[in-house]
Amino acid sequence: MNHETFFENFELLIDAPNSVEELRELILQLAVKGKLVPQDPNEETASELLEKIIADKKRLIKEKKFKKSQTLPEIKKDEIPFDIPKTWKWMRLNDVGDWGAGSTPDRKKPDYYEGSILWFKSGELNNGYINDSKEKITDSALNDLNRSALPPCTLHS
């Protein structure tokens, strides 16, 4: 659903089943595309922010808090699903973070789940975006897996 259709049919939609979910999806789509709020030309550009993120990532690699990641090719035009504001930039997750796969906390241990730590699974990568984590794990699960959680905004200044 696009935003024009949404507003044209707002009264019908608000009473329809799943209307709240539809509204959330629309808001998310508008935000991801840079259409939710006016773009401020005085804000830092994606390129400027990316330079800071790359510097932080290099520092964390040097401190052995991150592993050096594989260099991936630049994003090609045919990979871009939609236009974004001119000050934004398409990036691969690998360029701005530390990603990995591993084991899942034992599902037979209920004390490992319903915690406060976001636990992302590959299946949560919907349409190329990570929206939210459906599961949250406990400190106990994280410790028993011998993993560490990155603090919020680790890569942002």
Protein backbone atom coordinates (compact mmCIF):
# COMPACT_ATOMS: atom_id res chain seq x y z
CA MET A 1 0.00 0.00 0.00
CA ASN A 2 1.33 3.45 -0.82
CA HIS A 3 0.67 6.60 1.19
CA GLU A 4 -1.77 8.09 -1.34
CA THR A 5 -3.99 5.01 -1.18
CA PHE A 6 -3.77 5.02 2.59
CA PHE A 7 -4.97 8.60 2.98
CA GLU A 8 -7.68 8.27 0.33
CA ASN A 9 -9.12 5.28 2.19
CA PHE A 10 -8.26 6.21 5.77
CA GLU A 11 -11.79 5.82 7.17
CA LEU A 12 -12.21 2.39 5.59
CA LEU A 13 -8.77 1.25 6.66
CA ILE A 14 -8.95 2.32 10.28
CA ASP A 15 -11.94 0.02 10.87
CA ALA A 16 -10.53 -2.86 8.84
CA PRO A 17 -8.87 -5.92 10.38
CA ASN A 18 -5.10 -5.45 10.76
CA SER A 19 -5.43 -1.67 10.37
CA VAL A 20 -2.84 -0.95 13.05
CA GLU A 21 -0.37 -3.32 11.39
CA GLU A 22 -1.01 -1.64 8.03
CA LEU A 23 -0.40 1.78 9.58
CA ARG A 24 2.86 0.58 11.16
CA GLU A 25 3.99 -0.84 7.82
CA LEU A 26 3.19 2.40 6.01
CA ILE A 27 5.05 4.49 8.59
CA LEU A 28 8.05 2.17 8.39
CA GLN A 29 8.09 2.33 4.59
CA LEU A 30 7.86 6.12 4.60
CA ALA A 31 10.68 6.36 7.15
CA VAL A 32 12.95 3.94 5.29
CA LYS A 33 12.44 5.90 2.08
CA GLY A 34 13.11 9.26 3.76
CA LYS A 35 9.54 10.46 3.21
CA LEU A 36 8.24 10.51 6.78
CA VAL A 37 9.71 13.88 7.71
CA PRO A 38 11.22 16.71 5.68
CA GLN A 39 14.93 16.24 5.02
CA ASP A 40 17.14 18.83 6.73
CA PRO A 41 19.92 20.00 4.39
CA ASN A 42 21.92 21.10 7.46
CA GLU A 43 22.13 17.56 8.82
CA GLU A 44 25.22 15.45 8.38
CA THR A 45 25.19 13.50 5.11
CA ALA A 46 25.37 9.74 4.93
CA SER A 47 28.89 10.00 3.51
CA GLU A 48 30.05 12.05 6.50
CA LEU A 49 28.43 9.66 8.96
CA LEU A 50 29.84 6.68 7.07
CA GLU A 51 33.37 8.07 7.45
CA LYS A 52 32.85 8.15 11.24
CA ILE A 53 31.37 4.65 11.28
CA ILE A 54 34.29 3.26 9.25
CA ALA A 55 36.78 4.95 11.59
CA ASP A 56 34.95 3.47 14.61
CA LYS A 57 34.90 0.04 12.99
CA LYS A 58 38.65 0.20 12.22
CA ARG A 59 39.33 1.20 15.83
CA LEU A 60 37.21 -1.69 17.13
CA ILE A 61 39.02 -4.11 14.81
CA LYS A 62 42.37 -2.83 16.07
CA GLU A 63 41.13 -3.28 19.67
CA LYS A 64 40.05 -6.83 18.68
CA LYS A 65 36.42 -6.08 19.56
CA PHE A 66 35.36 -6.69 15.95
CA LYS A 67 36.71 -9.09 13.39
CA LYS A 68 37.80 -7.72 10.05
CA SER A 69 34.93 -8.40 7.68
CA GLN A 70 34.99 -9.51 4.09
CA THR A 71 35.00 -6.65 1.59
CA LEU A 72 31.85 -6.82 -0.49
CA PRO A 73 31.26 -5.18 -3.87
CA GLU A 74 29.66 -1.75 -4.12
CA ILE A 75 25.89 -1.78 -4.42
CA LYS A 76 24.85 -1.84 -8.07
CA LYS A 77 21.97 0.18 -9.51
CA ASP A 78 19.91 -2.96 -10.16
CA GLU A 79 20.12 -3.84 -6.43
CA ILE A 80 18.52 -0.58 -5.30
CA PRO A 81 14.83 -1.16 -4.57
CA PHE A 82 13.75 2.50 -4.35
CA ASP A 83 15.03 6.07 -4.37
CA ILE A 84 16.26 7.65 -1.16
CA PRO A 85 17.08 11.29 -0.33
CA LYS A 86 20.22 12.67 -1.98
CA THR A 87 22.05 12.98 1.35
CA TRP A 88 21.50 9.27 2.13
CA LYS A 89 23.57 6.39 0.84
CA TRP A 90 22.88 2.71 0.22
CA MET A 91 25.32 0.52 2.18
CA ARG A 92 25.81 -3.14 2.86
CA LEU A 93 25.35 -4.12 6.50
CA ASN A 94 28.84 -5.59 6.41
CA ASP A 95 30.26 -2.09 5.78
CA VAL A 96 28.85 -0.61 8.96
CA GLY A 97 28.69 -3.42 11.49
CA ASP A 98 29.95 -6.72 12.76
CA TRP A 99 27.77 -9.61 11.66
CA GLY A 100 27.98 -13.27 12.29
CA ALA A 101 26.09 -16.46 12.77
CA GLY A 102 26.29 -18.97 15.49
CA SER A 103 24.32 -21.17 17.78
CA THR A 104 20.88 -20.44 19.18
CA PRO A 105 20.21 -20.56 22.92
CA ASP A 106 18.77 -23.90 24.01
CA ARG A 107 15.00 -23.70 23.51
CA LYS A 108 14.48 -26.29 26.25
CA LYS A 109 15.65 -23.71 28.80
CA PRO A 110 12.80 -21.22 29.31
CA ASP A 111 15.02 -19.01 31.47
CA TYR A 112 16.98 -18.17 28.30
CA TYR A 113 14.02 -16.40 26.71
CA GLU A 114 11.73 -13.46 27.45
CA GLY A 115 14.72 -11.33 28.43
CA SER A 116 15.65 -7.84 27.27
CA ILE A 117 18.42 -8.61 24.75
CA LEU A 118 17.30 -8.49 21.11
CA TRP A 119 18.01 -11.82 19.40
CA PHE A 120 17.98 -11.51 15.60
CA LYS A 121 17.58 -14.52 13.34
CA SER A 122 18.20 -14.67 9.61
CA GLY A 123 14.48 -15.17 9.01
CA GLU A 124 13.84 -11.68 10.38
CA LEU A 125 15.49 -10.12 7.36
CA ASN A 126 12.30 -9.19 5.53
CA ASN A 127 12.51 -7.54 2.13
CA GLY A 128 16.14 -6.75 2.85
CA TYR A 129 15.46 -4.89 6.12
CA ILE A 130 15.67 -5.81 9.77
CA ASN A 131 12.51 -4.42 11.31
CA ASP A 132 12.53 -5.83 14.83
CA SER A 133 13.52 -8.86 16.81
CA LYS A 134 10.67 -11.22 17.61
CA GLU A 135 12.63 -12.88 20.39
CA LYS A 136 14.56 -11.49 23.28
CA ILE A 137 17.02 -13.50 25.32
CA THR A 138 18.38 -13.22 28.85
CA ASP A 139 21.87 -12.41 30.09
CA SER A 140 22.13 -16.04 31.14
CA ALA A 141 21.57 -17.24 27.57
CA LEU A 142 24.13 -14.78 26.23
CA ASN A 143 26.73 -15.81 28.81
CA ASP A 144 26.17 -19.54 28.27
CA LEU A 145 26.62 -19.06 24.51
CA ASN A 146 29.88 -17.26 25.26
CA ARG A 147 28.70 -14.26 23.24
CA SER A 148 28.61 -10.56 23.94
CA ALA A 149 26.01 -7.99 23.00
CA LEU A 150 26.97 -4.74 21.39
CA PRO A 151 25.66 -1.72 23.24
CA PRO A 152 23.06 0.43 21.47
CA CYS A 153 24.53 2.99 19.06
CA THR A 154 27.96 1.35 19.20
CA LEU A 155 28.85 2.63 15.76
CA HIS A 156 27.17 6.02 15.89
CA SER A 157 28.73 9.20 17.16
